[in-house]
Amino acid sequence: MTLDVNTESYLAGGVNLGALFRLPFAVFSRNLTPHPEAGLEVTESEFIEVMRLGADFRRPGGSLRVTPHFPAEFRMTLEDLQSVYAYLRSIPAIDKTIEISE
Protein backbone atom coordinates (compact mmCIF):
# COMPACT_ATOMS: atom_id res chain seq x y z
CA MET A 1 0.00 0.00 0.00
CA THR A 2 1.29 3.46 -0.89
CA LEU A 3 0.10 6.64 0.81
CA ASP A 4 0.64 10.19 -0.31
CA VAL A 5 1.95 12.47 2.44
CA ASN A 6 0.67 16.03 2.61
CA THR A 7 3.86 17.83 3.60
CA GLU A 8 1.93 21.01 4.53
CA SER A 9 0.17 19.17 7.34
CA TYR A 10 2.79 16.52 8.11
CA LEU A 11 2.07 14.92 11.51
CA ALA A 12 -0.81 17.36 12.13
CA GLY A 13 -3.36 14.55 12.45
CA GLY A 14 -6.88 14.47 11.15
CA VAL A 15 -6.44 11.37 9.00
CA ASN A 16 -9.44 9.06 9.28
CA LEU A 17 -7.68 5.80 10.08
CA GLY A 18 -11.06 4.09 10.33
CA ALA A 19 -11.60 4.59 6.61
CA LEU A 20 -8.00 3.64 5.81
CA PHE A 21 -8.34 0.32 7.66
CA ARG A 22 -12.00 -0.14 6.60
CA LEU A 23 -13.37 0.07 10.13
CA PRO A 24 -17.10 0.70 10.65
CA PHE A 25 -16.31 3.88 12.62
CA ALA A 26 -14.05 6.93 12.36
CA VAL A 27 -10.72 6.98 14.20
CA PHE A 28 -8.68 10.13 13.62
CA SER A 29 -4.94 10.42 13.96
CA ARG A 30 -3.70 12.88 16.56
CA ASN A 31 -1.84 16.11 15.92
CA LEU A 32 1.77 15.38 16.90
CA THR A 33 3.13 18.84 16.14
CA PRO A 34 4.04 21.15 19.05
CA HIS A 35 1.01 23.44 18.53
CA PRO A 36 0.04 24.74 22.02
CA GLU A 37 -3.73 24.06 21.71
CA ALA A 38 -4.16 21.44 18.99
CA GLY A 39 -0.87 19.57 19.20
CA LEU A 40 0.93 17.10 21.36
CA GLU A 41 1.50 18.87 24.66
CA VAL A 42 3.26 16.41 26.92
CA THR A 43 6.56 16.58 28.72
CA GLU A 44 9.41 14.34 27.66
CA SER A 45 8.83 12.07 30.67
CA GLU A 46 5.08 11.83 29.93
CA PHE A 47 5.83 11.00 26.28
CA ILE A 48 8.27 8.25 27.31
CA GLU A 49 5.75 6.81 29.78
CA VAL A 50 3.04 6.76 27.13
CA MET A 51 5.25 5.10 24.54
CA ARG A 52 6.49 2.47 26.98
CA LEU A 53 3.14 1.67 28.59
CA GLY A 54 0.71 2.53 25.78
CA ALA A 55 -1.66 4.70 27.81
CA ASP A 56 -1.93 8.42 28.48
CA PHE A 57 -2.75 8.43 32.18
CA ARG A 58 -3.62 12.14 32.15
CA ARG A 59 -6.92 11.21 30.46
CA PRO A 60 -8.88 8.24 31.84
CA GLY A 61 -9.11 5.66 29.09
CA GLY A 62 -6.98 7.82 26.81
CA SER A 63 -4.03 6.70 24.77
CA LEU A 64 -1.53 8.19 22.36
CA ARG A 65 -1.03 4.89 20.62
CA VAL A 66 -3.30 2.04 19.65
CA THR A 67 -2.31 -1.39 20.95
CA PRO A 68 -2.80 -3.36 17.70
CA HIS A 69 -0.44 -1.02 15.83
CA PHE A 70 2.14 -0.63 18.58
CA PRO A 71 2.09 -3.88 20.57
CA ALA A 72 3.40 -4.08 24.11
CA GLU A 73 6.42 -5.99 22.80
CA PHE A 74 7.45 -2.91 20.80
CA ARG A 75 10.79 -1.87 22.30
CA MET A 76 12.73 1.35 21.97
CA THR A 77 15.67 2.44 24.06
CA LEU A 78 15.43 5.50 26.27
CA GLU A 79 17.71 7.29 23.81
CA ASP A 80 15.40 6.32 20.91
CA LEU A 81 12.37 7.75 22.71
CA GLN A 82 14.21 10.92 23.68
CA SER A 83 15.22 11.38 20.04
CA VAL A 84 11.65 10.90 18.78
CA TYR A 85 10.39 13.42 21.33
CA ALA A 86 13.09 15.93 20.37
CA TYR A 87 12.14 15.53 16.70
CA LEU A 88 8.41 16.03 17.41
CA ARG A 89 9.23 19.20 19.36
CA SER A 90 11.38 20.54 16.50
CA ILE A 91 8.89 20.29 13.61
CA PRO A 92 6.70 23.30 12.76
CA ALA A 93 3.54 23.66 14.86
CA ILE A 94 0.37 23.26 12.79
CA ASP A 95 -3.11 24.28 13.95
CA LYS A 96 -5.38 21.67 12.43
CA THR A 97 -8.93 21.31 13.61
CA ILE A 98 -10.57 17.97 12.93
CA GLU A 99 -14.07 18.38 11.56
CA ILE A 100 -16.23 15.40 12.45
CA SER A 101 -19.47 15.14 10.54
CA GLU A 102 -22.18 12.84 11.80
PDB file of N, CA and C in Angstrom:
ATOM      1  N   MET A   1       0.844  -1.170   0.000  1.00  0.00           N
ATOM      2  CA  MET A   1       0.000   0.000   0.000  1.00  0.00           C
ATOM      3  C   MET A   1       0.896   1.241   0.000  1.00  0.00           C
ATOM      4  N   THR A   2       0.559   2.204  -0.820  1.00  0.00           N
ATOM      5  CA  THR A   2       1.291   3.460  -0.889  1.00  0.00           C
ATOM      6  C   THR A   2       0.364   4.595  -0.460  1.00  0.00           C
ATOM      7  N   LEU A   3       0.883   5.491   0.361  1.00  0.00           N
ATOM      8  CA  LEU A   3       0.098   6.636   0.810  1.00  0.00           C
ATOM      9  C   LEU A   3       0.818   7.909   0.422  1.00  0.00           C
ATOM     10  N   ASP A   4       0.068   8.887  -0.049  1.00  0.00           N
ATOM     11  CA  ASP A   4       0.637  10.194  -0.306  1.00  0.00           C
ATOM     12  C   ASP A   4       0.707  10.954   1.007  1.00  0.00           C
ATOM     13  N   VAL A   5       1.787  11.689   1.219  1.00  0.00           N
ATOM     14  CA  VAL A   5       1.953  12.472   2.438  1.00  0.00           C
ATOM     15  C   VAL A   5       1.796  13.944   2.102  1.00  0.00           C
ATOM     16  N   ASN A   6       0.870  14.595   2.769  1.00  0.00           N
ATOM     17  CA  ASN A   6       0.671  16.030   2.610  1.00  0.00           C
ATOM     18  C   ASN A   6       1.717  16.723   3.470  1.00  0.00           C
ATOM     19  N   THR A   7       2.761  17.237   2.840  1.00  0.00           N
ATOM     20  CA  THR A   7       3.858  17.834   3.597  1.00  0.00           C
ATOM     21  C   THR A   7       3.462  19.127   4.301  1.00  0.00           C
ATOM     22  N   GLU A   8       2.380  19.779   3.865  1.00  0.00           N
ATOM     23  CA  GLU A   8       1.931  21.006   4.529  1.00  0.00           C
ATOM     24  C   GLU A   8       1.293  20.723   5.877  1.00  0.00           C
ATOM     25  N   SER A   9       0.794  19.512   6.061  1.00  0.00           N
ATOM     26  CA  SER A   9       0.173  19.168   7.344  1.00  0.00           C
ATOM     27  C   SER A   9       0.789  17.901   7.931  1.00  0.00           C
ATOM     28  N   TYR A  10       2.069  17.702   7.635  1.00  0.00           N
ATOM     29  CA  TYR A  10       2.786  16.518   8.107  1.00  0.00           C
ATOM     30  C   TYR A  10       2.714  16.387   9.625  1.00  0.00           C
ATOM     31  N   LEU A  11       2.228  15.262  10.090  1.00  0.00           N
ATOM     32  CA  LEU A  11       2.067  14.921  11.508  1.00  0.00           C
ATOM     33  C   LEU A  11       1.059  15.798  12.247  1.00  0.00           C
ATOM     34  N   ALA A  12       0.194  16.495  11.501  1.00  0.00           N
ATOM     35  CA  ALA A  12      -0.806  17.356  12.131  1.00  0.00           C
ATOM     36  C   ALA A  12      -2.111  16.617  12.413  1.00  0.00           C
ATOM     37  N   GLY A  13      -2.179  15.343  12.126  1.00  0.00           N
ATOM     38  CA  GLY A  13      -3.362  14.552  12.454  1.00  0.00           C
ATOM     39  C   GLY A  13      -4.522  14.789  11.503  1.00  0.00           C
ATOM     40  N   GLY A  14      -5.671  14.291  11.924  1.00  0.00           N
ATOM     41  CA  GLY A  14      -6.882  14.472  11.153  1.00  0.00           C
ATOM     42  C   GLY A  14      -7.117  13.432  10.083  1.00  0.00           C
ATOM     43  N   VAL A  15      -6.250  12.431   9.982  1.00  0.00           N
ATOM     44  CA  VAL A  15      -6.438  11.368   9.000  1.00  0.00           C
ATOM     45  C   VAL A  15      -7.415  10.355   9.584  1.00  0.00           C
ATOM     46  N   ASN A  16      -8.453  10.031   8.819  1.00  0.00           N
ATOM     47  CA  ASN A  16      -9.440   9.063   9.283  1.00  0.00           C
ATOM     48  C   ASN A  16      -8.860   7.659   9.084  1.00  0.00           C
ATOM     49  N   LEU A  17      -8.269   7.128  10.141  1.00  0.00           N
ATOM     50  CA  LEU A  17      -7.680   5.795  10.077  1.00  0.00           C
ATOM     51  C   LEU A  17      -8.754   4.715   9.982  1.00  0.00           C
ATOM     52  N   GLY A  18      -9.953   5.032  10.447  1.00  0.00           N
ATOM     53  CA  GLY A  18     -11.061   4.086  10.327  1.00  0.00           C
ATOM     54  C   GLY A  18     -11.350   3.772   8.876  1.00  0.00           C
ATOM     55  N   ALA A  19     -11.363   4.794   8.037  1.00  0.00           N
ATOM     56  CA  ALA A  19     -11.598   4.591   6.609  1.00  0.00           C
ATOM     57  C   ALA A  19     -10.415   3.872   5.966  1.00  0.00           C
ATOM     58  N   LEU A  20      -9.208   4.243   6.364  1.00  0.00           N
ATOM     59  CA  LEU A  20      -7.998   3.635   5.811  1.00  0.00           C
ATOM     60  C   LEU A  20      -7.963   2.134   6.071  1.00  0.00           C
ATOM     61  N   PHE A  21      -8.364   1.734   7.287  1.00  0.00           N
ATOM     62  CA  PHE A  21      -8.344   0.321   7.656  1.00  0.00           C
ATOM     63  C   PHE A  21      -9.718  -0.340   7.526  1.00  0.00           C
ATOM     64  N   ARG A  22     -10.641   0.352   6.868  1.00  0.00           N
ATOM     65  CA  ARG A  22     -11.998  -0.144   6.599  1.00  0.00           C
ATOM     66  C   ARG A  22     -12.744  -0.565   7.874  1.00  0.00           C
ATOM     67  N   LEU A  23     -12.637   0.298   8.884  1.00  0.00           N
ATOM     68  CA  LEU A  23     -13.370   0.073  10.127  1.00  0.00           C
ATOM     69  C   LEU A  23     -14.769   0.662   9.981  1.00  0.00           C
ATOM     70  N   PRO A  24     -15.732   0.177  10.743  1.00  0.00           N
ATOM     71  CA  PRO A  24     -17.098   0.705  10.646  1.00  0.00           C
ATOM     72  C   PRO A  24     -17.294   2.025  11.402  1.00  0.00           C
ATOM     73  N   PHE A  25     -16.228   2.630  11.883  1.00  0.00           N
ATOM     74  CA  PHE A  25     -16.312   3.882  12.623  1.00  0.00           C
ATOM     75  C   PHE A  25     -15.072   4.721  12.323  1.00  0.00           C
ATOM     76  N   ALA A  26     -15.164   6.007  12.620  1.00  0.00           N
ATOM     77  CA  ALA A  26     -14.051   6.927  12.364  1.00  0.00           C
ATOM     78  C   ALA A  26     -13.071   6.917  13.539  1.00  0.00           C
ATOM     79  N   VAL A  27     -11.800   6.858  13.226  1.00  0.00           N
ATOM     80  CA  VAL A  27     -10.720   6.980  14.203  1.00  0.00           C
ATOM     81  C   VAL A  27      -9.718   7.941  13.590  1.00  0.00           C
ATOM     82  N   PHE A  28      -9.548   9.105  14.206  1.00  0.00           N
ATOM     83  CA  PHE A  28      -8.685  10.125  13.621  1.00  0.00           C
ATOM     84  C   PHE A  28      -7.306  10.142  14.270  1.00  0.00           C
ATOM     85  N   SER A  29      -6.299  10.315  13.433  1.00  0.00           N
ATOM     86  CA  SER A  29      -4.937  10.422  13.957  1.00  0.00           C
ATOM     87  C   SER A  29      -4.779  11.737  14.702  1.00  0.00           C
ATOM     88  N   ARG A  30      -3.898  11.736  15.679  1.00  0.00           N
ATOM     89  CA  ARG A  30      -3.700  12.882  16.564  1.00  0.00           C
ATOM     90  C   ARG A  30      -2.644  13.831  16.000  1.00  0.00           C
ATOM     91  N   ASN A  31      -2.811  15.102  16.314  1.00  0.00           N
ATOM     92  CA  ASN A  31      -1.839  16.114  15.923  1.00  0.00           C
ATOM     93  C   ASN A  31      -0.598  15.937  16.799  1.00  0.00           C
ATOM     94  N   LEU A  32       0.530  15.602  16.172  1.00  0.00           N
ATOM     95  CA  LEU A  32       1.773  15.381  16.903  1.00  0.00           C
ATOM     96  C   LEU A  32       2.716  16.569  16.853  1.00  0.00           C
ATOM     97  N   THR A  33       2.287  17.651  16.203  1.00  0.00           N
ATOM     98  CA  THR A  33       3.134  18.844  16.143  1.00  0.00           C
ATOM     99  C   THR A  33       3.089  19.556  17.496  1.00  0.00           C
ATOM    100  N   PRO A  34       4.017  20.478  17.746  1.00  0.00           N
ATOM    101  CA  PRO A  34       4.037  21.152  19.047  1.00  0.00           C
ATOM    102  C   PRO A  34       3.088  22.343  19.164  1.00  0.00           C
ATOM    103  N   HIS A  35       1.970  22.337  18.428  1.00  0.00           N
ATOM    104  CA  HIS A  35       1.006  23.435  18.535  1.00  0.00           C
ATOM    105  C   HIS A  35       0.445  23.472  19.958  1.00  0.00           C
ATOM    106  N   PRO A  36       0.415  24.666  20.598  1.00  0.00           N
ATOM    107  CA  PRO A  36       0.036  24.741  22.018  1.00  0.00           C
ATOM    108  C   PRO A  36      -1.396  24.332  22.345  1.00  0.00           C
ATOM    109  N   GLU A  37      -2.351  24.483  21.416  1.00  0.00           N
ATOM    110  CA  GLU A  37      -3.729  24.060  21.712  1.00  0.00           C
ATOM    111  C   GLU A  37      -4.101  22.759  21.028  1.00  0.00           C
ATOM    112  N   ALA A  38      -3.711  22.587  19.772  1.00  0.00           N
ATOM    113  CA  ALA A  38      -4.162  21.442  18.990  1.00  0.00           C
ATOM    114  C   ALA A  38      -3.151  20.309  18.945  1.00  0.00           C
ATOM    115  N   GLY A  39      -1.928  20.554  19.384  1.00  0.00           N
ATOM    116  CA  GLY A  39      -0.867  19.572  19.202  1.00  0.00           C
ATOM    117  C   GLY A  39      -0.592  18.716  20.417  1.00  0.00           C
ATOM    118  N   LEU A  40       0.496  18.006  20.315  1.00  0.00           N
ATOM    119  CA  LEU A  40       0.934  17.101  21.365  1.00  0.00           C
ATOM    120  C   LEU A  40       1.627  17.902  22.458  1.00  0.00           C
ATOM    121  N   GLU A  41       0.954  18.078  23.559  1.00  0.00           N
ATOM    122  CA  GLU A  41       1.502  18.865  24.660  1.00  0.00           C
ATOM    123  C   GLU A  41       1.742  17.952  25.853  1.00  0.00           C
ATOM    124  N   VAL A  42       2.844  17.248  25.807  1.00  0.00           N
ATOM    125  CA  VAL A  42       3.256  16.411  26.923  1.00  0.00           C
ATOM    126  C   VAL A  42       4.733  16.685  27.183  1.00  0.00           C
ATOM    127  N   THR A  43       5.146  16.447  28.400  1.00  0.00           N
ATOM    128  CA  THR A  43       6.558  16.585  28.722  1.00  0.00           C
ATOM    129  C   THR A  43       7.303  15.376  28.158  1.00  0.00           C
ATOM    130  N   GLU A  44       8.613  15.468  28.142  1.00  0.00           N
ATOM    131  CA  GLU A  44       9.405  14.336  27.661  1.00  0.00           C
ATOM    132  C   GLU A  44       9.141  13.091  28.500  1.00  0.00           C
ATOM    133  N   SER A  45       9.071  13.244  29.816  1.00  0.00           N
ATOM    134  CA  SER A  45       8.832  12.071  30.672  1.00  0.00           C
ATOM    135  C   SER A  45       7.438  11.485  30.445  1.00  0.00           C
ATOM    136  N   GLU A  46       6.427  12.333  30.228  1.00  0.00           N
ATOM    137  CA  GLU A  46       5.081  11.827  29.928  1.00  0.00           C
ATOM    138  C   GLU A  46       5.073  11.080  28.594  1.00  0.00           C
ATOM    139  N   PHE A  47       5.750  11.634  27.592  1.00  0.00           N
ATOM    140  CA  PHE A  47       5.833  10.995  26.277  1.00  0.00           C
ATOM    141  C   PHE A  47       6.477   9.610  26.405  1.00  0.00           C
ATOM    142  N   ILE A  48       7.564   9.522  27.135  1.00  0.00           N
ATOM    143  CA  ILE A  48       8.268   8.249  27.305  1.00  0.00           C
ATOM    144  C   ILE A  48       7.381   7.245  28.032  1.00  0.00           C
ATOM    145  N   GLU A  49       6.668   7.696  29.057  1.00  0.00           N
ATOM    146  CA  GLU A  49       5.754   6.805  29.781  1.00  0.00           C
ATOM    147  C   GLU A  49       4.666   6.281  28.857  1.00  0.00           C
ATOM    148  N   VAL A  50       4.105   7.159  28.049  1.00  0.00           N
ATOM    149  CA  VAL A  50       3.043   6.763  27.126  1.00  0.00           C
ATOM    150  C   VAL A  50       3.558   5.750  26.111  1.00  0.00           C
ATOM    151  N   MET A  51       4.712   6.002  25.546  1.00  0.00           N
ATOM    152  CA  MET A  51       5.246   5.098  24.537  1.00  0.00           C
ATOM    153  C   MET A  51       5.664   3.752  25.128  1.00  0.00           C
ATOM    154  N   ARG A  52       6.096   3.744  26.347  1.00  0.00           N
ATOM    155  CA  ARG A  52       6.494   2.474  26.982  1.00  0.00           C
ATOM    156  C   ARG A  52       5.301   1.672  27.463  1.00  0.00           C
ATOM    157  N   LEU A  53       4.275   2.366  27.981  1.00  0.00           N
ATOM    158  CA  LEU A  53       3.144   1.668  28.588  1.00  0.00           C
ATOM    159  C   LEU A  53       1.897   1.652  27.709  1.00  0.00           C
ATOM    160  N   GLY A  54       1.827   2.541  26.707  1.00  0.00           N
ATOM    161  CA  GLY A  54       0.711   2.525  25.779  1.00  0.00           C
ATOM    162  C   GLY A  54      -0.497   3.329  26.198  1.00  0.00           C
ATOM    163  N   ALA A  55      -0.491   3.946  27.361  1.00  0.00           N
ATOM    164  CA  ALA A  55      -1.663   4.700  27.808  1.00  0.00           C
ATOM    165  C   ALA A  55      -1.259   6.087  28.286  1.00  0.00           C
ATOM    166  N   ASP A  56      -2.120   7.045  28.002  1.00  0.00           N
ATOM    167  CA  ASP A  56      -1.928   8.416  28.479  1.00  0.00           C
ATOM    168  C   ASP A  56      -2.729   8.544  29.765  1.00  0.00           C
ATOM    169  N   PHE A  57      -2.057   8.464  30.894  1.00  0.00           N
ATOM    170  CA  PHE A  57      -2.751   8.430  32.177  1.00  0.00           C
ATOM    171  C   PHE A  57      -3.302   9.779  32.608  1.00  0.00           C
ATOM    172  N   ARG A  58      -3.042  10.838  31.830  1.00  0.00           N
ATOM    173  CA  ARG A  58      -3.624  12.138  32.149  1.00  0.00           C
ATOM    174  C   ARG A  58      -5.103  12.158  31.790  1.00  0.00           C
ATOM    175  N   ARG A  59      -5.526  11.279  30.890  1.00  0.00           N
ATOM    176  CA  ARG A  59      -6.919  11.207  30.460  1.00  0.00           C
ATOM    177  C   ARG A  59      -7.418   9.793  30.710  1.00  0.00           C
ATOM    178  N   PRO A  60      -8.385   9.597  31.598  1.00  0.00           N
ATOM    179  CA  PRO A  60      -8.878   8.239  31.844  1.00  0.00           C
ATOM    180  C   PRO A  60      -9.321   7.568  30.552  1.00  0.00           C
ATOM    181  N   GLY A  61      -8.771   6.406  30.299  1.00  0.00           N
ATOM    182  CA  GLY A  61      -9.114   5.660  29.094  1.00  0.00           C
ATOM    183  C   GLY A  61      -8.423   6.178  27.848  1.00  0.00           C
ATOM    184  N   GLY A  62      -7.619   7.229  27.974  1.00  0.00           N
ATOM    185  CA  GLY A  62      -6.979   7.818  26.812  1.00  0.00           C
ATOM    186  C   GLY A  62      -5.681   7.138  26.462  1.00  0.00           C
ATOM    187  N   SER A  63      -5.275   7.292  25.214  1.00  0.00           N
ATOM    188  CA  SER A  63      -4.032   6.700  24.772  1.00  0.00           C
ATOM    189  C   SER A  63      -3.478   7.476  23.595  1.00  0.00           C
ATOM    190  N   LEU A  64      -2.170   7.575  23.512  1.00  0.00           N
ATOM    191  CA  LEU A  64      -1.527   8.194  22.359  1.00  0.00           C
ATOM    192  C   LEU A  64      -1.201   7.168  21.292  1.00  0.00           C
ATOM    193  N   ARG A  65      -1.301   5.919  21.602  1.00  0.00           N
ATOM    194  CA  ARG A  65      -1.034   4.886  20.618  1.00  0.00           C
ATOM    195  C   ARG A  65      -2.079   3.797  20.747  1.00  0.00           C
ATOM    196  N   VAL A  66      -2.274   3.070  19.691  1.00  0.00           N
ATOM    197  CA  VAL A  66      -3.299   2.035  19.653  1.00  0.00           C
ATOM    198  C   VAL A  66      -2.598   0.690  19.734  1.00  0.00           C
ATOM    199  N   THR A  67      -2.982  -0.123  20.679  1.00  0.00           N
ATOM    200  CA  THR A  67      -2.305  -1.391  20.947  1.00  0.00           C
ATOM    201  C   THR A  67      -2.082  -2.266  19.718  1.00  0.00           C
ATOM    202  N   PRO A  68      -3.075  -2.476  18.833  1.00  0.00           N
ATOM    203  CA  PRO A  68      -2.799  -3.355  17.695  1.00  0.00           C
ATOM    204  C   PRO A  68      -1.689  -2.860  16.778  1.00  0.00           C
ATOM    205  N   HIS A  69      -1.456  -1.552  16.726  1.00  0.00           N
ATOM    206  CA  HIS A  69      -0.445  -1.019  15.832  1.00  0.00           C
ATOM    207  C   HIS A  69       0.912  -0.879  16.506  1.00  0.00           C
ATOM    208  N   PHE A  70       0.916  -0.740  17.811  1.00  0.00           N
ATOM    209  CA  PHE A  70       2.143  -0.632  18.584  1.00  0.00           C
ATOM    210  C   PHE A  70       2.033  -1.603  19.752  1.00  0.00           C
ATOM    211  N   PRO A  71       2.285  -2.877  19.508  1.00  0.00           N
ATOM    212  CA  PRO A  71       2.085  -3.875  20.570  1.00  0.00           C
ATOM    213  C   PRO A  71       3.012  -3.657  21.758  1.00  0.00           C
ATOM    214  N   ALA A  72       2.629  -4.235  22.869  1.00  0.00           N
ATOM    215  CA  ALA A  72       3.395  -4.076  24.108  1.00  0.00           C
ATOM    216  C   ALA A  72       4.834  -4.555  23.941  1.00  0.00           C
ATOM    217  N   GLU A  73       5.067  -5.476  23.016  1.00  0.00           N
ATOM    218  CA  GLU A  73       6.415  -5.992  22.805  1.00  0.00           C
ATOM    219  C   GLU A  73       7.298  -5.002  22.045  1.00  0.00           C
ATOM    220  N   PHE A  74       6.712  -3.934  21.526  1.00  0.00           N
ATOM    221  CA  PHE A  74       7.454  -2.911  20.796  1.00  0.00           C
ATOM    222  C   PHE A  74       8.464  -2.279  21.745  1.00  0.00           C
ATOM    223  N   ARG A  75       9.737  -2.347  21.397  1.00  0.00           N
ATOM    224  CA  ARG A  75      10.786  -1.869  22.299  1.00  0.00           C
ATOM    225  C   ARG A  75      11.619  -0.770  21.644  1.00  0.00           C
ATOM    226  N   MET A  76      11.821   0.294  22.370  1.00  0.00           N
ATOM    227  CA  MET A  76      12.733   1.354  21.965  1.00  0.00           C
ATOM    228  C   MET A  76      13.577   1.675  23.184  1.00  0.00           C
ATOM    229  N   THR A  77      14.813   2.051  22.947  1.00  0.00           N
ATOM    230  CA  THR A  77      15.665   2.438  24.062  1.00  0.00           C
ATOM    231  C   THR A  77      15.242   3.819  24.558  1.00  0.00           C
ATOM    232  N   LEU A  78      15.697   4.173  25.732  1.00  0.00           N
ATOM    233  CA  LEU A  78      15.426   5.500  26.269  1.00  0.00           C
ATOM    234  C   LEU A  78      15.954   6.562  25.311  1.00  0.00           C
ATOM    235  N   GLU A  79      17.131   6.340  24.772  1.00  0.00           N
ATOM    236  CA  GLU A  79      17.712   7.291  23.815  1.00  0.00           C
ATOM    237  C   GLU A  79      16.853   7.405  22.557  1.00  0.00           C
ATOM    238  N   ASP A  80      16.301   6.285  22.079  1.00  0.00           N
ATOM    239  CA  ASP A  80      15.397   6.316  20.914  1.00  0.00           C
ATOM    240  C   ASP A  80      14.191   7.200  21.206  1.00  0.00           C
ATOM    241  N   LEU A  81      13.568   6.989  22.358  1.00  0.00           N
ATOM    242  CA  LEU A  81      12.366   7.746  22.714  1.00  0.00           C
ATOM    243  C   LEU A  81      12.678   9.223  22.913  1.00  0.00           C
ATOM    244  N   GLN A  82      13.805   9.522  23.508  1.00  0.00           N
ATOM    245  CA  GLN A  82      14.206  10.921  23.681  1.00  0.00           C
ATOM    246  C   GLN A  82      14.436  11.580  22.322  1.00  0.00           C
ATOM    247  N   SER A  83      14.985  10.849  21.377  1.00  0.00           N
ATOM    248  CA  SER A  83      15.219  11.378  20.036  1.00  0.00           C
ATOM    249  C   SER A  83      13.909  11.627  19.290  1.00  0.00           C
ATOM    250  N   VAL A  84      12.961  10.716  19.415  1.00  0.00           N
ATOM    251  CA  VAL A  84      11.652  10.900  18.777  1.00  0.00           C
ATOM    252  C   VAL A  84      10.974  12.126  19.364  1.00  0.00           C
ATOM    253  N   TYR A  85      11.007  12.264  20.678  1.00  0.00           N
ATOM    254  CA  TYR A  85      10.391  13.417  21.333  1.00  0.00           C
ATOM    255  C   TYR A  85      11.048  14.711  20.864  1.00  0.00           C
ATOM    256  N   ALA A  86      12.371  14.728  20.818  1.00  0.00           N
ATOM    257  CA  ALA A  86      13.092  15.931  20.367  1.00  0.00           C
ATOM    258  C   ALA A  86      12.700  16.282  18.936  1.00  0.00           C
ATOM    259  N   TYR A  87      12.558  15.279  18.080  1.00  0.00           N
ATOM    260  CA  TYR A  87      12.139  15.532  16.698  1.00  0.00           C
ATOM    261  C   TYR A  87      10.734  16.130  16.665  1.00  0.00           C
ATOM    262  N   LEU A  88       9.796  15.529  17.399  1.00  0.00           N
ATOM    263  CA  LEU A  88       8.414  16.034  17.405  1.00  0.00           C
ATOM    264  C   LEU A  88       8.340  17.466  17.924  1.00  0.00           C
ATOM    265  N   ARG A  89       9.213  17.828  18.844  1.00  0.00           N
ATOM    266  CA  ARG A  89       9.232  19.203  19.364  1.00  0.00           C
ATOM    267  C   ARG A  89       9.875  20.177  18.378  1.00  0.00           C
ATOM    268  N   SER A  90      10.649  19.667  17.417  1.00  0.00           N
ATOM    269  CA  SER A  90      11.384  20.540  16.500  1.00  0.00           C
ATOM    270  C   SER A  90      10.645  20.834  15.196  1.00  0.00           C
ATOM    271  N   ILE A  91       9.611  20.051  14.869  1.00  0.00           N
ATOM    272  CA  ILE A  91       8.892  20.291  13.612  1.00  0.00           C
ATOM    273  C   ILE A  91       7.964  21.497  13.768  1.00  0.00           C
ATOM    274  N   PRO A  92       7.581  22.127  12.657  1.00  0.00           N
ATOM    275  CA  PRO A  92       6.702  23.302  12.764  1.00  0.00           C
ATOM    276  C   PRO A  92       5.340  22.953  13.382  1.00  0.00           C
ATOM    277  N   ALA A  93       4.859  23.834  14.253  1.00  0.00           N
ATOM    278  CA  ALA A  93       3.539  23.660  14.859  1.00  0.00           C
ATOM    279  C   ALA A  93       2.469  23.947  13.810  1.00  0.00           C
ATOM    280  N   ILE A  94       1.458  23.092  13.752  1.00  0.00           N
ATOM    281  CA  ILE A  94       0.369  23.258  12.790  1.00  0.00           C
ATOM    282  C   ILE A  94      -0.948  23.226  13.554  1.00  0.00           C
ATOM    283  N   ASP A  95      -1.784  24.234  13.333  1.00  0.00           N
ATOM    284  CA  ASP A  95      -3.110  24.280  13.952  1.00  0.00           C
ATOM    285  C   ASP A  95      -4.066  23.615  12.979  1.00  0.00           C
ATOM    286  N   LYS A  96      -4.472  22.411  13.299  1.00  0.00           N
ATOM    287  CA  LYS A  96      -5.376  21.672  12.427  1.00  0.00           C
ATOM    288  C   LYS A  96      -6.556  21.177  13.236  1.00  0.00           C
ATOM    289  N   THR A  97      -7.713  21.719  12.938  1.00  0.00           N
ATOM    290  CA  THR A  97      -8.932  21.314  13.611  1.00  0.00           C
ATOM    291  C   THR A  97      -9.541  20.154  12.840  1.00  0.00           C
ATOM    292  N   ILE A  98      -9.942  19.135  13.552  1.00  0.00           N
ATOM    293  CA  ILE A  98     -10.568  17.970  12.930  1.00  0.00           C
ATOM    294  C   ILE A  98     -12.068  18.185  12.916  1.00  0.00           C
ATOM    295  N   GLU A  99     -12.621  18.231  11.724  1.00  0.00           N
ATOM    296  CA  GLU A  99     -14.073  18.381  11.562  1.00  0.00           C
ATOM    297  C   GLU A  99     -14.698  17.006  11.485  1.00  0.00           C
ATOM    298  N   ILE A 100     -15.563  16.694  12.439  1.00  0.00           N
ATOM    299  CA  ILE A 100     -16.234  15.398  12.455  1.00  0.00           C
ATOM    300  C   ILE A 100     -17.693  15.615  12.080  1.00  0.00           C
ATOM    301  N   SER A 101     -18.072  15.032  10.965  1.00  0.00           N
ATOM    302  CA  SER A 101     -19.468  15.137  10.542  1.00  0.00           C
ATOM    303  C   SER A 101     -20.189  13.847  10.911  1.00  0.00           C
ATOM    304  N   GLU A 102     -21.399  14.013  11.388  1.00  0.00           N
ATOM    305  CA  GLU A 102     -22.176  12.838  11.804  1.00  0.00           C
ATOM    306  C   GLU A 102     -23.283  12.558  10.847  1.00  0.00           C
TER     307      GLU A 102
END
